[in-house]
Protein backbone atom coordinates (compact mmCIF):
# COMPACT_ATOMS: atom_id res chain seq x y z
CA MET A 1 48.17 -40.44 34.43
CA SER A 2 50.60 -39.20 37.27
CA THR A 3 50.66 -42.66 38.92
CA MET A 4 51.29 -44.71 35.79
CA GLY A 5 54.62 -46.10 34.78
CA ASP A 6 56.69 -44.60 32.05
CA GLY A 7 55.75 -47.27 29.57
CA THR A 8 52.06 -47.05 30.11
CA ARG A 9 52.20 -43.33 29.91
CA ALA A 10 54.23 -43.30 26.67
CA VAL A 11 51.82 -45.73 24.93
CA ARG A 12 48.69 -43.78 25.96
CA ALA A 13 50.02 -40.26 25.88
CA GLY A 14 47.89 -37.75 23.92
CA LEU A 15 45.31 -40.14 22.69
CA PRO A 16 41.84 -38.75 22.29
CA VAL A 17 38.75 -40.13 24.01
CA PRO A 18 37.87 -43.30 22.28
CA GLU A 19 35.09 -43.16 19.77
CA GLN A 20 33.33 -46.12 18.21
CA PHE A 21 34.78 -47.04 14.76
CA GLU A 22 37.50 -44.37 15.04
CA PRO A 23 41.31 -45.08 15.16
CA PRO A 24 43.02 -44.75 18.58
CA LEU A 25 45.47 -42.25 17.08
CA PRO A 26 43.75 -40.16 14.35
CA GLY A 27 45.61 -39.79 11.11
CA PRO A 28 47.45 -36.56 10.15
CA VAL A 29 45.25 -33.59 9.30
CA PHE A 30 46.49 -31.92 6.06
CA ALA A 31 44.90 -28.46 6.03
CA ALA A 32 46.01 -24.94 5.39
CA HIS A 33 42.63 -23.54 6.35
CA PHE A 34 39.49 -24.73 8.05
CA HIS A 35 35.81 -23.92 7.64
CA LEU A 36 35.35 -20.70 9.46
CA SER A 37 32.42 -18.39 9.52
CA GLY A 38 31.87 -15.39 11.70
CA ASP A 39 34.40 -14.40 14.39
CA PRO A 40 37.58 -16.54 14.32
CA THR A 41 37.30 -17.84 17.83
CA GLY A 42 37.52 -21.67 17.40
CA PRO A 43 40.41 -23.89 18.03
CA TYR A 44 41.42 -24.29 14.38
CA THR A 45 41.37 -21.39 12.08
CA TYR A 46 44.56 -21.36 9.96
CA GLY A 47 47.36 -23.95 9.47
CA ARG A 48 50.19 -21.83 10.66
CA ASP A 49 48.47 -21.32 13.97
CA THR A 50 47.04 -24.62 15.00
CA ASN A 51 46.44 -28.12 13.75
CA PRO A 52 44.57 -31.11 15.34
CA THR A 53 47.57 -33.35 14.81
CA TRP A 54 49.75 -30.96 16.70
CA THR A 55 47.19 -30.82 19.48
CA HIS A 56 47.36 -34.59 20.20
CA LEU A 57 51.15 -34.60 20.07
CA GLU A 58 51.51 -31.48 22.21
CA ARG A 59 49.28 -33.05 24.87
CA ALA A 60 51.32 -36.35 24.68
CA ILE A 61 54.58 -34.50 25.19
CA GLY A 62 53.19 -32.53 28.06
CA GLU A 63 52.02 -35.72 29.76
CA LEU A 64 55.60 -37.07 29.57
CA GLU A 65 57.30 -33.82 30.63
CA ALA A 66 55.16 -33.33 33.78
CA PRO A 67 52.73 -36.21 34.58
CA GLY A 68 49.53 -35.08 36.27
CA GLU A 69 50.41 -31.39 35.92
CA GLU A 70 48.99 -28.50 33.93
CA VAL A 71 51.60 -27.69 31.32
CA GLU A 72 51.55 -26.66 27.67
CA THR A 73 53.78 -27.82 24.89
CA THR A 74 54.59 -26.16 21.59
CA VAL A 75 55.91 -28.23 18.73
CA PHE A 76 58.35 -26.95 16.08
CA ALA A 77 59.86 -28.08 12.78
CA SER A 78 63.27 -28.65 14.35
CA GLY A 79 65.17 -28.49 17.59
CA MET A 80 66.85 -25.26 16.58
CA ALA A 81 63.40 -23.73 15.91
CA ALA A 82 62.45 -24.67 19.41
CA ILE A 83 65.70 -23.25 20.94
CA THR A 84 65.46 -19.90 19.14
CA SER A 85 61.78 -19.57 19.95
CA VAL A 86 62.66 -19.37 23.65
CA LEU A 87 65.49 -17.02 23.43
CA LEU A 88 64.18 -14.69 20.80
CA SER A 89 60.71 -14.51 22.38
CA GLN A 90 62.18 -13.50 25.75
CA VAL A 91 65.10 -11.16 25.18
CA ARG A 92 65.45 -7.69 23.82
CA SER A 93 68.32 -5.33 22.94
CA GLY A 94 70.17 -4.55 26.12
CA ASP A 95 69.24 -7.83 27.86
CA ALA A 96 71.80 -10.46 28.89
CA VAL A 97 71.65 -14.20 28.47
CA VAL A 98 73.87 -16.90 29.98
CA LEU A 99 74.73 -19.85 27.66
CA PRO A 100 76.96 -22.88 28.14
CA ASP A 101 80.23 -22.72 26.18
CA ASP A 102 80.30 -26.41 25.77
CA GLY A 103 76.78 -27.00 24.45
CA TYR A 104 75.29 -27.93 21.14
CA GLN A 105 77.40 -27.00 18.10
CA ALA A 106 74.81 -24.39 16.74
CA LEU A 107 74.82 -22.46 19.91
CA PRO A 108 77.70 -20.23 18.81
CA LEU A 109 75.57 -19.33 15.77
CA VAL A 110 72.76 -18.37 18.11
CA ARG A 111 75.19 -16.30 20.14
CA GLU A 112 76.29 -14.38 17.07
CA GLN A 113 72.61 -13.64 16.16
CA LEU A 114 71.78 -12.48 19.64
CA GLU A 115 74.83 -10.22 19.75
CA ALA A 116 73.85 -8.79 16.35
CA TYR A 117 70.46 -7.86 17.97
CA GLY A 118 72.27 -6.07 20.88
CA VAL A 119 71.96 -8.85 23.46
CA GLU A 120 74.77 -9.46 25.84
CA VAL A 121 75.85 -13.09 25.78
CA ARG A 122 77.88 -14.60 28.72
CA THR A 123 79.17 -18.13 28.60
CA ALA A 124 80.65 -20.63 31.06
CA PRO A 125 81.18 -24.40 31.09
CA THR A 126 78.39 -26.78 32.16
CA GLY A 127 80.53 -28.58 34.73
CA GLY A 128 81.06 -27.29 38.19
CA ASP A 129 77.85 -25.13 37.95
CA ALA A 130 80.09 -22.45 36.45
CA GLN A 131 77.14 -20.54 35.05
CA LEU A 132 76.18 -19.48 38.60
CA ALA A 133 78.85 -16.72 38.55
CA LEU A 134 77.18 -15.06 35.50
CA LEU A 135 73.58 -14.71 36.61
CA GLU A 136 73.47 -11.15 37.90
CA GLY A 137 71.32 -8.93 35.70
CA ALA A 138 70.67 -11.68 33.16
CA LYS A 139 67.23 -12.32 31.54
CA VAL A 140 67.57 -15.99 30.67
CA LEU A 141 69.86 -18.79 31.79
CA TRP A 142 70.25 -21.58 29.21
CA ILE A 143 71.31 -25.00 30.65
CA GLU A 144 72.28 -28.04 28.63
CA SER A 145 72.66 -31.03 30.93
CA PRO A 146 74.08 -33.46 29.96
CA SER A 147 76.03 -31.38 27.61
CA ASN A 148 76.63 -32.32 23.95
CA PRO A 149 79.07 -33.79 23.14
CA GLY A 150 81.15 -33.62 26.42
CA LEU A 151 78.51 -35.14 28.67
CA ASP A 152 79.13 -32.84 31.66
CA VAL A 153 76.30 -32.35 34.07
CA CYS A 154 75.29 -29.40 36.28
CA ASP A 155 73.05 -29.23 39.33
CA ILE A 156 69.87 -28.04 37.68
CA ARG A 157 68.00 -27.41 41.01
CA ARG A 158 70.90 -25.38 42.37
CA LEU A 159 71.14 -23.25 39.18
CA VAL A 160 67.32 -22.81 39.05
CA GLU A 161 67.13 -21.63 42.62
CA ALA A 162 69.94 -19.12 42.19
CA ALA A 163 68.54 -17.90 38.81
CA HIS A 164 64.96 -17.39 40.18
CA ALA A 165 66.26 -15.58 43.17
CA ALA A 166 67.97 -13.19 40.75
CA GLY A 167 64.86 -12.86 38.59
CA VAL A 168 66.27 -14.92 35.75
CA LEU A 169 64.21 -17.30 33.61
CA VAL A 170 65.69 -20.73 33.18
CA ALA A 171 65.51 -23.01 30.04
CA VAL A 172 66.93 -26.53 29.98
CA ASP A 173 67.93 -28.31 26.77
CA ASN A 174 66.85 -31.80 27.63
CA THR A 175 67.53 -33.45 24.28
CA LEU A 176 70.03 -35.99 25.43
CA ALA A 177 67.94 -37.19 28.36
CA THR A 178 64.41 -37.01 27.02
CA PRO A 179 61.50 -36.60 29.48
CA ILE A 180 61.73 -40.15 30.72
CA GLY A 181 65.38 -39.60 31.56
CA GLN A 182 65.04 -36.20 33.18
CA ARG A 183 62.22 -33.82 33.82
CA PRO A 184 63.43 -30.21 33.87
CA LEU A 185 60.09 -28.74 34.95
CA GLU A 186 60.14 -30.89 38.05
CA LEU A 187 63.57 -29.56 38.76
CA GLY A 188 62.20 -26.01 38.58
CA ALA A 189 62.95 -24.89 35.12
CA ASP A 190 60.64 -22.51 33.20
CA PHE A 191 61.18 -24.14 29.86
CA SER A 192 61.97 -27.68 28.95
CA VAL A 193 63.35 -27.69 25.32
CA ALA A 194 64.41 -30.58 23.13
CA SER A 195 65.33 -31.55 19.65
CA ASP A 196 62.96 -34.46 19.08
CA THR A 197 64.96 -35.34 16.06
CA LYS A 198 67.02 -37.43 18.52
CA GLY A 199 65.84 -39.73 21.13
CA MET A 200 62.22 -38.70 21.43
CA THR A 201 61.31 -39.86 17.88
CA GLY A 202 64.27 -42.26 17.63
CA HIS A 203 64.23 -43.41 14.09
CA GLY A 204 66.43 -40.77 12.40
CA ASP A 205 63.75 -39.79 9.90
CA ILE A 206 62.09 -36.75 11.45
CA LEU A 207 63.37 -33.23 12.19
CA PHE A 208 61.34 -32.02 15.18
CA GLY A 209 61.48 -29.98 18.38
CA HIS A 210 59.29 -28.84 21.28
CA VAL A 211 59.10 -26.39 24.19
CA THR A 212 57.07 -27.19 27.34
CA CYS A 213 56.14 -24.55 29.99
CA ARG A 214 54.03 -24.38 33.10
CA ASP A 215 53.37 -20.64 32.78
CA PRO A 216 50.69 -19.95 30.15
CA ARG A 217 52.26 -16.53 29.55
CA LEU A 218 55.56 -18.02 28.55
CA THR A 219 53.76 -20.54 26.25
CA ALA A 220 51.97 -17.59 24.63
CA ASP A 221 55.31 -15.91 23.94
CA VAL A 222 56.64 -19.08 22.42
CA ARG A 223 53.53 -19.69 20.27
CA ARG A 224 53.52 -16.08 19.09
CA TRP A 225 57.08 -16.51 17.90
CA ARG A 226 56.19 -19.72 16.17
CA LYS A 227 53.43 -17.98 14.31
CA ILE A 228 55.69 -15.08 13.33
CA ALA A 229 58.59 -17.24 12.21
CA GLY A 230 56.45 -19.95 10.66
CA ALA A 231 58.66 -22.63 12.05
CA ILE A 232 55.82 -25.18 12.15
CA PRO A 233 56.06 -28.95 11.74
CA GLY A 234 54.24 -30.69 8.96
CA PRO A 235 51.22 -32.78 10.00
CA MET A 236 52.84 -36.01 8.74
CA GLU A 237 55.97 -35.35 10.79
CA ALA A 238 53.83 -34.57 13.87
CA TRP A 239 51.84 -37.76 13.41
CA LEU A 240 55.05 -39.82 12.93
CA ALA A 241 56.51 -38.23 16.05
CA HIS A 242 53.37 -39.15 18.10
CA ARG A 243 53.45 -42.67 16.83
CA SER A 244 57.15 -43.01 17.80
CA LEU A 245 56.43 -42.08 21.42
CA ALA A 246 54.70 -45.42 22.01
CA THR A 247 58.15 -47.17 21.93
CA LEU A 248 60.09 -44.41 23.80
CA HIS A 249 60.45 -46.28 27.04
CA LEU A 250 61.50 -49.48 25.25
CA ARG A 251 64.02 -47.72 23.11
CA ILE A 252 65.51 -45.65 25.93
CA ASP A 253 65.75 -48.49 28.39
CA ARG A 254 67.60 -50.73 25.97
CA GLN A 255 69.86 -47.87 24.87
CA CYS A 256 70.73 -46.77 28.38
CA THR A 257 71.41 -50.34 29.53
CA THR A 258 73.75 -51.01 26.50
CA ALA A 259 75.36 -47.50 26.91
CA LEU A 260 76.40 -48.37 30.42
CA ALA A 261 77.75 -51.82 29.22
CA LEU A 262 79.66 -50.06 26.48
CA ALA A 263 81.15 -47.51 28.91
CA GLU A 264 82.32 -50.46 31.15
CA VAL A 265 83.92 -52.17 28.18
CA LEU A 266 85.64 -48.95 27.07
CA ALA A 267 86.92 -48.31 30.63
CA LYS A 268 89.04 -51.44 30.38
CA ARG A 269 90.72 -50.53 27.05
CA ALA A 270 94.12 -48.90 27.36
CA GLU A 271 93.80 -47.04 24.10
CA VAL A 272 90.62 -45.23 25.32
CA THR A 273 91.00 -42.03 27.26
CA GLY A 274 88.59 -39.26 28.33
CA LEU A 275 85.69 -41.63 28.74
CA ARG A 276 82.46 -39.99 29.86
CA TYR A 277 79.00 -41.39 30.59
CA PRO A 278 76.93 -39.98 33.46
CA GLY A 279 75.62 -43.42 34.42
CA LEU A 280 79.13 -44.79 34.93
CA PRO A 281 79.73 -44.78 38.77
CA GLY A 282 83.24 -43.45 38.28
CA ASP A 283 82.20 -40.62 36.02
CA PRO A 284 82.76 -37.14 37.49
CA SER A 285 79.19 -36.24 36.74
CA HIS A 286 77.63 -39.29 38.24
CA PRO A 287 76.85 -38.08 41.75
CA VAL A 288 74.83 -35.03 40.46
CA ALA A 289 73.30 -37.01 37.60
CA ALA A 290 72.13 -39.70 39.93
CA ARG A 291 70.23 -37.06 41.98
CA GLN A 292 68.44 -35.49 39.04
CA MET A 293 68.28 -38.01 36.28
CA ARG A 294 66.00 -41.06 36.01
CA ARG A 295 68.00 -42.65 33.05
CA PHE A 296 71.40 -41.57 31.84
CA GLY A 297 70.97 -41.40 28.08
CA SER A 298 72.24 -43.28 25.03
CA VAL A 299 75.41 -41.27 24.34
CA VAL A 300 78.97 -42.23 25.40
CA SER A 301 81.96 -40.00 24.58
CA PHE A 302 85.63 -40.95 24.54
CA GLU A 303 88.93 -40.19 22.83
CA LEU A 304 91.39 -42.27 20.87
CA ALA A 305 94.98 -41.27 20.23
CA ASP A 306 94.47 -38.98 17.21
CA ARG A 307 92.38 -38.42 14.09
CA GLU A 308 93.81 -41.35 12.27
CA ALA A 309 93.07 -43.71 15.05
CA ALA A 310 89.52 -42.50 15.36
CA GLU A 311 88.91 -42.78 11.65
CA ARG A 312 90.37 -46.32 11.60
CA PHE A 313 87.99 -47.23 14.43
CA LEU A 314 84.97 -45.78 12.72
CA SER A 315 85.85 -47.46 9.43
CA ALA A 316 86.26 -50.93 11.15
CA LEU A 317 82.78 -50.80 12.74
CA ARG A 318 80.27 -53.07 11.00
CA LEU A 319 77.10 -52.42 12.96
CA VAL A 320 77.54 -48.65 13.59
CA ASP A 321 76.87 -45.94 11.08
CA ASP A 322 79.34 -43.13 10.79
CA ALA A 323 76.80 -40.34 11.03
CA THR A 324 75.90 -37.32 13.02
CA SER A 325 72.92 -36.90 15.35
CA PHE A 326 72.15 -39.38 18.16
CA GLY A 327 69.34 -41.17 19.95
CA GLY A 328 68.22 -43.43 17.10
CA VAL A 329 67.47 -47.06 17.07
CA ARG A 330 70.63 -47.73 14.93
CA SER A 331 73.88 -47.06 16.64
CA THR A 332 75.93 -44.14 15.21
CA ALA A 333 79.29 -42.74 15.95
CA GLU A 334 81.45 -39.91 14.60
CA ARG A 335 84.62 -38.13 15.06
CA ARG A 336 83.08 -34.96 16.33
CA GLY A 337 85.98 -32.77 15.47
CA ARG A 338 85.25 -33.04 11.77
CA TRP A 339 82.62 -30.25 12.16
CA GLY A 340 84.95 -27.75 13.65
CA GLY A 341 82.43 -26.29 16.12
CA ASP A 342 83.24 -28.19 19.31
CA ALA A 343 86.23 -27.76 21.49
CA VAL A 344 87.19 -31.44 21.47
CA ALA A 345 90.37 -33.38 20.53
CA GLU A 346 90.96 -34.70 17.06
CA GLY A 347 90.36 -38.28 18.26
CA PHE A 348 87.12 -37.51 20.09
CA ILE A 349 84.31 -39.93 19.45
CA ARG A 350 80.66 -39.31 20.15
CA PHE A 351 78.96 -42.79 20.22
CA SER A 352 75.20 -43.07 20.22
CA VAL A 353 74.00 -46.47 21.25
CA GLY A 354 71.04 -47.97 19.43
CA VAL A 355 68.81 -51.03 20.21
CA GLU A 356 70.82 -53.74 18.67
CA ASP A 357 71.55 -56.86 20.72
CA PRO A 358 74.13 -55.67 23.30
CA GLU A 359 76.42 -58.70 22.71
CA ASP A 360 76.61 -57.94 19.00
CA LEU A 361 77.29 -54.27 19.43
CA LEU A 362 79.88 -54.64 22.17
CA ALA A 363 81.71 -57.32 20.08
CA ASP A 364 81.65 -54.96 17.13
CA VAL A 365 83.22 -52.16 19.21
CA GLU A 366 85.89 -54.31 20.55
CA GLN A 367 86.95 -55.68 17.12
CA ALA A 368 86.98 -52.20 15.72
CA LEU A 369 89.21 -50.95 18.61
CA SER A 370 91.56 -53.79 17.92
CA ALA A 371 91.57 -53.11 14.20
CA ALA A 372 92.30 -49.43 14.83
CA ALA A 373 95.27 -50.30 16.89
CA ARG A 374 97.02 -52.28 14.25
C-alpha cells in the first residue's frame, strides 16, 4: 500500500483478506477469554492481552503511520494512557527526560508523577528547537509539534538527529497533525504517539490512543506496560475507531482547507492578535512546518482583548460548540485559560475547525467577532 494515495489507504487500512459471505470489516469481538487448551501460545488468550478487533485496528494505524514499512501499533483506552505507556515503560529512577513546557495540559501532571518516581524532568519551549540544549544524559525526548494549544513547531528531524547522537530515544505526540498530516517515524522518531480521541476518530464520541514503533523491542515494552496497567480499549471503541478511519482523509482535507481560510479571515480583523496557524504563510512556524508536515491541522489559535471579549465571542457563535478537545467534525472553540493549566492569555481562543460548509462557518465567526466588539 506504499504507493496508494491517502484516501485509498485510509479506506482499506487494516481490512482482513476478503472471505465469501463475511463483512469487509468484522464486527467487534467481545471476549474476556478464548478457548485455550495446552500451552498458551496462540494469538488470543486473554482479553487484557490481545483482541482480534484491536489487531485489525493496529494494522490499520500502522499502515497510515508508515506506509509499506514494518511497524507495530499498540492501542490504548485514551491518549494519556498511550503517553504514559511510553514514558513509564522507558524510564527508571535516576533517568532524565526532556518535555516541552508548552505542550498538552496534562503533561505537568505527568511531570509530577515522574519526579515522584525519582526521574529528572527538564523542560523547554517547542519553538526554536529549544529542547536541543537539554539532551545531554537524557533517556527520552518528548516532542509535541505542533504544540497544543500554542501551535509552535520544531524541526523534528534536527531534534531526532541530535537526540540519537546522544543516545536519547525520541517520542513525538502527533495528535494535532494525525498520520496523514505528519509522519514522525519517517522523520526519524522512535515512537509516534497520539490521542485518537481527536482528529483520528473525529466524531467526539470515543476516548482512544495509540503508540506506533519500528523497533519490536520498544513495542514489547509498551505492550507490557499496557498489560500491567490494564489501559486497554473496549472492543466497541476499537471497532468504532477503525470505522472512523475510512473518512479520515475527507475530514482532514476539509478541516485543513477551512482552517487556512479561517486564519486568513482572522488575520484581517483588528481585534484579533496572536494569530497562529502553521499553514499560514506568514506564521513563524510555517517554514519548518512546510518541510515536515503534509497537512497543517484543524486548529487555529488567537487572542481577543480579554476574558470578557473572548466569552462574548464564544457566546455569539451559532455553529460552533463551546467545548474542549479538537479535531471533530463539529467545530468547537474555547477560552483555553479557563482550565488554568496553559500559559496563555485570558482572551486566548483555541478554535477547532470542523467539516461544516466553509462559507457558513466563516460567516458565523465574523458575526460573532462583530457581536463581541459591541
